Amino acid sequence: MDPLVSVVVTFHNQASFVAPAIETVLGQGYPNLETIVVDDGSTDDTRRRCMAFGDRVRLIARANGGASAARNSGITEARGEYVAHLDGDDLWHPDKIARQVEVARRFPEAGMIVANGHMFGEGMPTIPGLIWGDIGRRLAATSEPAILLEPYRALIRRHCFNTPSQMMIPASVYRAVGAWDERIKMVADVELALRIAARYPAAFMRGDLVGYRLLEGSLSGPYHSRQFAWALDTFGVMRKHARIAPPTMRPALEARMAGDANDFARDAYYLGRRGRLAWALRYQLRLLAASRRAHRVLPYLAALLLPERLVSTVARRFRGVRRPGDPGFTLETK
């Protein structure tokens, strides 16, 4: 028999996306699904539009608690052998669940099955590829429909996929590792993936099965700056994980935090010099508090408070590097 898959769809003030998202689930070719829709305290027309689907979905209406809390509400009601997540502004290919179940059967030891896809948004071209970094390169190098990996160390170095809408997780894994951390607002999928990868291998799939919608008004903010918002949340995730990670992994976690602190301080410095000085100063102060890596952030913060010509002169004299904005310019301390 085909195993039951529980699909948990979460919305918050996304009335215009309700019909496309739910229809993308109801249109799946896989025969054994239950669709659980969670309205996370919407104040627009989201709930009424969810109710229009009647008994084809099971609707949970809850007070606003954030995306992770909404997902956990759906998991509590799920009866399936697997749980698949769909954020309310994303879309699925009709074969997505069927192909994930095939991969789950092929790799029953997998703690998560992660589908590939594309990014899309109004006024922008479609961008292929939702699995990237080291794992994305390994996936691109094979003709197999899916590969099973031990991704733990790679995920510590850099998260490798875009959205919870790519994830299908066995219910037994949730029972073993716990649910979504409701304290984490923007990168809860990073934290959950690390928890899973610490105990299980993971399967990563080829193909264009998930549409990740880019929205300027999303939780993470405009696309061009959301990496900066993600970074602040990620430090808390890494510190949390350091408390439960094997001792052999802690140097890699420390290297990740030190590298991120330096890289985002440097990038904020560049943006500050290019006309966003007030934003860059505020961001670097937040980065200083979030990263707790003063020796990585303070040189860039200090440089923003000094005349650019003076910074360039000092940098050339003591580091032998180029002017700010030139390839190779850095204020990184060793």
Protein backbone atom coordinates (compact mmCIF):
# COMPACT_ATOMS: atom_id res chain seq x y z
CA MET A 1 0.00 0.00 0.00
CA ASP A 2 1.07 3.58 -0.61
CA PRO A 3 2.06 5.16 2.72
CA LEU A 4 -0.05 8.05 3.93
CA VAL A 5 1.68 11.42 3.49
CA SER A 6 0.50 14.33 5.65
CA VAL A 7 0.95 17.66 3.90
CA VAL A 8 1.10 20.66 6.25
CA VAL A 9 0.40 23.97 4.50
CA THR A 10 0.92 27.14 6.54
CA PHE A 11 -0.45 30.63 5.88
CA HIS A 12 -0.25 34.02 7.55
CA ASN A 13 -1.97 36.93 5.78
CA GLN A 14 -1.48 35.31 2.37
CA ALA A 15 -5.03 35.35 1.03
CA SER A 16 -3.98 35.79 -2.60
CA PHE A 17 -1.84 32.64 -2.45
CA VAL A 18 -4.33 30.34 -0.71
CA ALA A 19 -5.94 28.89 -3.83
CA PRO A 20 -2.71 28.30 -5.81
CA ALA A 21 -0.98 26.66 -2.83
CA ILE A 22 -3.83 24.35 -1.79
CA GLU A 23 -4.60 23.42 -5.39
CA THR A 24 -0.95 22.48 -5.90
CA VAL A 25 -1.41 19.94 -3.08
CA LEU A 26 -4.83 18.67 -4.16
CA GLY A 27 -3.45 18.30 -7.67
CA GLN A 28 -0.72 15.87 -6.63
CA GLY A 29 -0.70 12.61 -8.54
CA TYR A 30 0.08 10.66 -5.38
CA PRO A 31 -3.08 8.82 -4.21
CA ASN A 32 -2.74 8.73 -0.41
CA LEU A 33 -2.52 12.26 1.00
CA GLU A 34 -4.11 14.21 3.80
CA THR A 35 -3.98 17.99 3.57
CA ILE A 36 -3.70 19.94 6.82
CA VAL A 37 -3.98 23.71 6.41
CA VAL A 38 -2.88 25.97 9.27
CA ASP A 39 -3.96 29.61 9.37
CA ASP A 40 -1.53 31.30 11.73
CA GLY A 41 -3.68 34.14 13.01
CA SER A 42 -4.31 35.89 9.70
CA THR A 43 -6.10 39.23 9.78
CA ASP A 44 -6.93 39.29 6.06
CA ASP A 45 -9.19 36.99 4.02
CA THR A 46 -6.90 33.94 4.34
CA ARG A 47 -9.14 31.89 6.63
CA ARG A 48 -12.30 32.34 4.56
CA ARG A 49 -10.46 31.31 1.40
CA CYS A 50 -9.13 28.20 3.16
CA MET A 51 -12.65 27.31 4.31
CA ALA A 52 -13.81 27.41 0.69
CA PHE A 53 -12.04 24.07 0.12
CA GLY A 54 -14.44 22.38 2.54
CA ASP A 55 -13.70 18.87 3.67
CA ARG A 56 -10.92 18.41 1.10
CA VAL A 57 -8.62 19.95 3.70
CA ARG A 58 -8.43 19.88 7.48
CA LEU A 59 -8.24 23.50 8.66
CA ILE A 60 -6.52 24.54 11.89
CA ALA A 61 -7.12 28.16 12.89
CA ARG A 62 -4.74 29.35 15.60
CA ALA A 63 -3.50 32.58 17.16
CA ASN A 64 -0.43 33.98 15.47
CA GLY A 65 2.69 32.27 16.77
CA GLY A 66 5.03 32.23 13.79
CA ALA A 67 5.78 29.78 10.99
CA SER A 68 7.44 27.15 13.18
CA ALA A 69 4.57 27.10 15.65
CA ALA A 70 2.12 26.76 12.74
CA ARG A 71 4.08 23.81 11.33
CA ASN A 72 4.11 22.17 14.75
CA SER A 73 0.32 22.55 15.00
CA GLY A 74 0.00 20.69 11.71
CA ILE A 75 2.44 17.96 12.76
CA THR A 76 0.41 17.37 15.93
CA GLU A 77 -2.63 16.57 13.76
CA ALA A 78 -0.73 14.56 11.15
CA ARG A 79 -1.48 10.84 10.84
CA GLY A 80 0.87 10.04 7.98
CA GLU A 81 4.03 7.98 7.81
CA TYR A 82 5.67 11.04 6.24
CA VAL A 83 5.15 14.78 6.74
CA ALA A 84 5.71 17.20 3.85
CA HIS A 85 5.71 20.96 4.35
CA LEU A 86 4.48 23.69 2.03
CA ASP A 87 4.86 27.39 2.84
CA GLY A 88 1.77 29.24 1.69
CA ASP A 89 3.50 31.28 -1.02
CA ASP A 90 5.30 28.32 -2.66
CA LEU A 91 4.13 25.79 -5.27
CA TRP A 92 4.71 22.12 -6.12
CA HIS A 93 4.96 20.14 -9.35
CA PRO A 94 2.14 17.51 -9.54
CA ASP A 95 4.69 14.68 -9.24
CA LYS A 96 6.53 16.08 -6.22
CA ILE A 97 5.12 13.84 -3.48
CA ALA A 98 5.04 10.70 -5.64
CA ARG A 99 8.70 11.11 -6.49
CA GLN A 100 9.66 11.85 -2.89
CA VAL A 101 7.88 8.70 -1.74
CA GLU A 102 9.80 6.71 -4.36
CA VAL A 103 13.06 8.10 -2.99
CA ALA A 104 11.98 7.41 0.60
CA ARG A 105 11.30 3.78 -0.33
CA ARG A 106 14.69 3.52 -2.03
CA PHE A 107 16.46 5.07 0.96
CA PRO A 108 14.44 4.08 4.05
CA GLU A 109 17.29 5.22 6.32
CA ALA A 110 16.97 8.86 5.15
CA GLY A 111 15.99 11.34 7.84
CA MET A 112 14.76 13.86 5.27
CA ILE A 113 14.08 13.83 1.55
CA VAL A 114 14.86 17.21 -0.05
CA ALA A 115 13.46 18.04 -3.50
CA ASN A 116 15.04 20.46 -5.96
CA GLY A 117 13.22 23.21 -7.86
CA HIS A 118 13.41 26.84 -8.92
CA MET A 119 12.96 30.40 -7.66
CA PHE A 120 10.37 32.68 -9.23
CA GLY A 121 8.77 36.03 -8.59
CA GLU A 122 6.93 38.88 -10.20
CA GLY A 123 9.08 40.75 -12.68
CA MET A 124 12.04 38.38 -12.49
CA PRO A 125 13.23 35.44 -14.58
CA THR A 126 12.94 31.91 -13.22
CA ILE A 127 16.16 30.87 -11.48
CA PRO A 128 16.84 27.11 -11.49
CA GLY A 129 18.30 25.26 -8.53
CA LEU A 130 17.16 25.15 -4.89
CA ILE A 131 19.95 22.82 -3.72
CA TRP A 132 23.38 24.40 -3.83
CA GLY A 133 26.86 24.42 -2.32
CA ASP A 134 28.83 21.19 -2.03
CA ILE A 135 25.68 19.07 -2.05
CA GLY A 136 24.28 20.87 -5.08
CA ARG A 137 27.50 20.23 -6.98
CA ARG A 138 27.42 16.53 -6.10
CA LEU A 139 23.81 16.32 -7.20
CA ALA A 140 24.57 18.06 -10.51
CA ALA A 141 27.43 15.64 -11.18
CA THR A 142 25.20 12.55 -11.16
CA SER A 143 22.52 11.26 -13.50
CA GLU A 144 20.77 9.46 -10.64
CA PRO A 145 17.33 10.84 -9.68
CA ALA A 146 18.45 11.13 -6.04
CA ILE A 147 21.54 10.62 -3.93
CA LEU A 148 21.90 9.61 -0.28
CA LEU A 149 24.53 11.56 1.66
CA GLU A 150 25.85 12.10 5.16
CA PRO A 151 25.36 15.89 5.00
CA TYR A 152 26.12 16.87 8.59
CA ARG A 153 29.55 18.43 8.09
CA ALA A 154 28.49 20.11 4.83
CA LEU A 155 25.43 21.64 6.54
CA ILE A 156 27.60 23.01 9.33
CA ARG A 157 29.75 24.74 6.74
CA ARG A 158 26.76 26.13 4.80
CA HIS A 159 23.05 25.40 4.56
CA CYS A 160 22.25 23.95 1.14
CA PHE A 161 18.56 24.46 0.32
CA ASN A 162 16.06 27.31 0.25
CA THR A 163 12.72 26.46 1.81
CA PRO A 164 10.84 24.01 4.04
CA SER A 165 8.63 23.41 0.99
CA GLN A 166 11.39 21.11 -0.28
CA MET A 167 11.33 18.85 2.78
CA MET A 168 9.56 15.57 3.42
CA ILE A 169 10.37 14.00 6.81
CA PRO A 170 9.39 10.61 8.21
CA ALA A 171 7.09 10.94 11.22
CA SER A 172 9.44 8.60 13.10
CA VAL A 173 12.25 11.14 12.66
CA TYR A 174 10.14 13.89 14.20
CA ARG A 175 9.49 11.61 17.17
CA ALA A 176 13.23 11.02 17.53
CA VAL A 177 14.63 14.55 17.08
CA GLY A 178 11.71 16.77 18.10
CA ALA A 179 9.64 19.36 16.27
CA TRP A 180 10.44 22.81 14.86
CA ASP A 181 12.09 25.26 17.27
CA GLU A 182 9.45 27.98 17.69
CA ARG A 183 11.98 30.49 19.05
CA ILE A 184 13.73 30.71 15.67
CA LYS A 185 11.90 33.04 13.31
CA MET A 186 13.71 32.96 9.96
CA VAL A 187 16.08 29.97 9.73
CA ALA A 188 14.26 27.25 11.64
CA ASP A 189 14.78 24.92 8.67
CA VAL A 190 18.56 25.34 9.11
CA GLU A 191 18.32 24.27 12.76
CA LEU A 192 15.99 21.34 12.06
CA ALA A 193 18.15 20.10 9.18
CA LEU A 194 21.22 20.12 11.44
CA ARG A 195 19.38 18.18 14.13
CA ILE A 196 18.27 15.58 11.61
CA ALA A 197 21.65 15.34 9.87
CA ALA A 198 23.40 14.75 13.19
CA ARG A 199 21.57 11.40 13.43
CA TYR A 200 20.50 10.39 9.91
CA PRO A 201 21.66 10.50 6.29
CA ALA A 202 19.56 12.57 3.91
CA ALA A 203 18.37 12.12 0.33
CA PHE A 204 18.65 14.97 -2.18
CA MET A 205 16.68 14.87 -5.43
CA ARG A 206 17.22 16.08 -8.96
CA GLY A 207 14.41 17.65 -10.99
CA ASP A 208 12.24 20.76 -10.90
CA LEU A 209 9.62 19.88 -8.30
CA VAL A 210 9.28 22.98 -6.05
CA GLY A 211 8.60 26.62 -6.89
CA TYR A 212 10.08 28.97 -4.27
CA ARG A 213 8.36 32.34 -4.57
CA LEU A 214 10.47 35.44 -3.88
CA LEU A 215 8.47 38.21 -2.23
CA GLU A 216 9.73 41.62 -1.18
CA GLY A 217 7.30 41.62 1.75
CA SER A 218 8.23 38.21 3.13
CA LEU A 219 9.46 37.55 6.66
CA SER A 220 13.09 37.79 5.53
CA GLY A 221 12.63 41.10 3.74
CA PRO A 222 13.66 42.12 0.20
CA TYR A 223 15.60 39.42 -1.63
CA HIS A 224 18.77 41.48 -2.09
CA SER A 225 19.16 41.97 1.68
CA ARG A 226 17.59 38.84 3.19
CA GLN A 227 20.95 37.07 3.48
CA PHE A 228 21.88 39.67 6.11
CA ALA A 229 18.72 38.94 8.11
CA TRP A 230 19.27 35.19 7.83
CA ALA A 231 22.83 35.57 9.12
CA LEU A 232 21.73 37.16 12.41
CA ASP A 233 19.39 34.25 13.17
CA THR A 234 21.96 31.68 12.10
CA PHE A 235 24.39 32.57 14.91
CA GLY A 236 21.79 31.54 17.49
CA VAL A 237 21.24 28.28 15.62
CA MET A 238 24.95 27.50 15.57
CA ARG A 239 25.39 28.28 19.27
CA LYS A 240 22.40 26.08 20.12
CA HIS A 241 23.77 23.26 18.02
CA ALA A 242 27.25 23.57 19.54
CA ARG A 243 25.73 22.49 22.87
CA ILE A 244 24.52 19.20 21.43
CA ALA A 245 27.06 18.55 18.66
CA PRO A 246 29.81 15.94 19.08
CA PRO A 247 33.09 17.51 20.28
CA THR A 248 34.68 16.69 16.93
CA MET A 249 32.25 19.05 15.19
CA ARG A 250 32.73 22.06 17.45
CA PRO A 251 35.80 23.42 15.59
CA ALA A 252 33.74 23.41 12.38
CA LEU A 253 30.90 25.27 14.13
CA GLU A 254 33.35 27.85 15.48
CA ALA A 255 34.89 28.28 12.03
CA ARG A 256 31.41 28.81 10.54
CA MET A 257 30.52 31.51 13.07
CA ALA A 258 33.87 33.28 12.73
CA GLY A 259 33.68 33.19 8.93
CA ASP A 260 30.10 34.45 8.83
CA ALA A 261 30.87 37.29 11.23
CA ASN A 262 33.77 38.41 9.07
CA ASP A 263 31.98 37.99 5.74
CA PHE A 264 28.79 39.83 6.70
CA ALA A 265 30.70 42.62 8.45
CA ARG A 266 32.78 43.04 5.29
CA ASP A 267 29.74 43.02 2.99
CA ALA A 268 27.92 45.53 5.20
CA TYR A 269 31.04 47.72 5.06
CA TYR A 270 30.93 47.72 1.25
CA LEU A 271 27.24 48.64 1.24
CA GLY A 272 27.89 51.41 3.76
CA ARG A 273 30.52 52.91 1.49
CA ARG A 274 28.09 52.72 -1.41
CA GLY A 275 25.45 54.95 0.14
CA ARG A 276 23.84 52.86 2.90
CA LEU A 277 25.96 54.12 5.79
CA ALA A 278 23.20 54.37 8.42
CA TRP A 279 21.92 50.87 7.60
CA ALA A 280 25.45 49.42 7.64
CA LEU A 281 26.25 50.91 11.05
CA ARG A 282 23.01 49.56 12.55
CA TYR A 283 23.56 46.17 10.98
CA GLN A 284 27.14 45.84 12.19
CA LEU A 285 26.04 46.67 15.74
CA ARG A 286 23.40 43.93 15.51
CA LEU A 287 25.97 41.58 14.01
CA LEU A 288 28.37 42.34 16.85
CA ALA A 289 25.72 41.33 19.40
CA ALA A 290 24.49 38.28 17.47
CA SER A 291 27.87 36.84 16.52
CA ARG A 292 29.78 37.57 19.75
CA ARG A 293 32.87 37.76 17.53
CA ALA A 294 34.07 41.30 18.22
CA HIS A 295 37.49 40.76 16.66
CA ARG A 296 35.77 39.94 13.36
CA VAL A 297 33.24 42.77 13.31
CA LEU A 298 34.86 45.74 15.05
CA PRO A 299 37.53 46.43 12.39
CA TYR A 300 34.81 46.95 9.77
CA LEU A 301 32.63 48.97 12.14
CA ALA A 302 35.57 51.22 12.99
CA ALA A 303 36.45 51.58 9.32
CA LEU A 304 32.94 52.83 8.53
CA LEU A 305 33.38 55.62 11.08
CA LEU A 306 36.61 56.83 9.49
CA PRO A 307 37.09 58.74 6.23
CA GLU A 308 37.40 56.35 3.32
CA ARG A 309 40.68 57.89 2.20
CA LEU A 310 42.22 57.29 5.62
CA VAL A 311 41.01 53.68 5.64
CA SER A 312 42.50 53.11 2.20
CA THR A 313 45.82 54.65 3.22
CA VAL A 314 46.07 52.59 6.38
CA ALA A 315 45.01 49.41 4.58
CA ARG A 316 47.59 49.86 1.83
CA ARG A 317 50.35 50.65 4.30
CA PHE A 318 49.75 47.84 6.75
CA ARG A 319 48.07 45.16 4.67
CA GLY A 320 49.22 45.88 1.14
CA VAL A 321 45.70 45.59 -0.21
CA ARG A 322 43.60 47.57 -2.65
CA ARG A 323 41.09 50.34 -2.10
CA PRO A 324 37.62 49.49 -0.74
CA GLY A 325 35.48 48.04 -3.49
CA ASP A 326 38.43 46.69 -5.49
CA PRO A 327 38.88 42.92 -5.89
CA GLY A 328 40.95 41.62 -3.03
CA PHE A 329 40.22 44.43 -0.59
CA THR A 330 39.86 43.16 2.96
CA LEU A 331 40.10 44.35 6.54
CA GLU A 332 39.99 40.83 7.90
CA THR A 333 42.03 40.31 11.05
CA LYS A 334 44.00 37.13 11.52
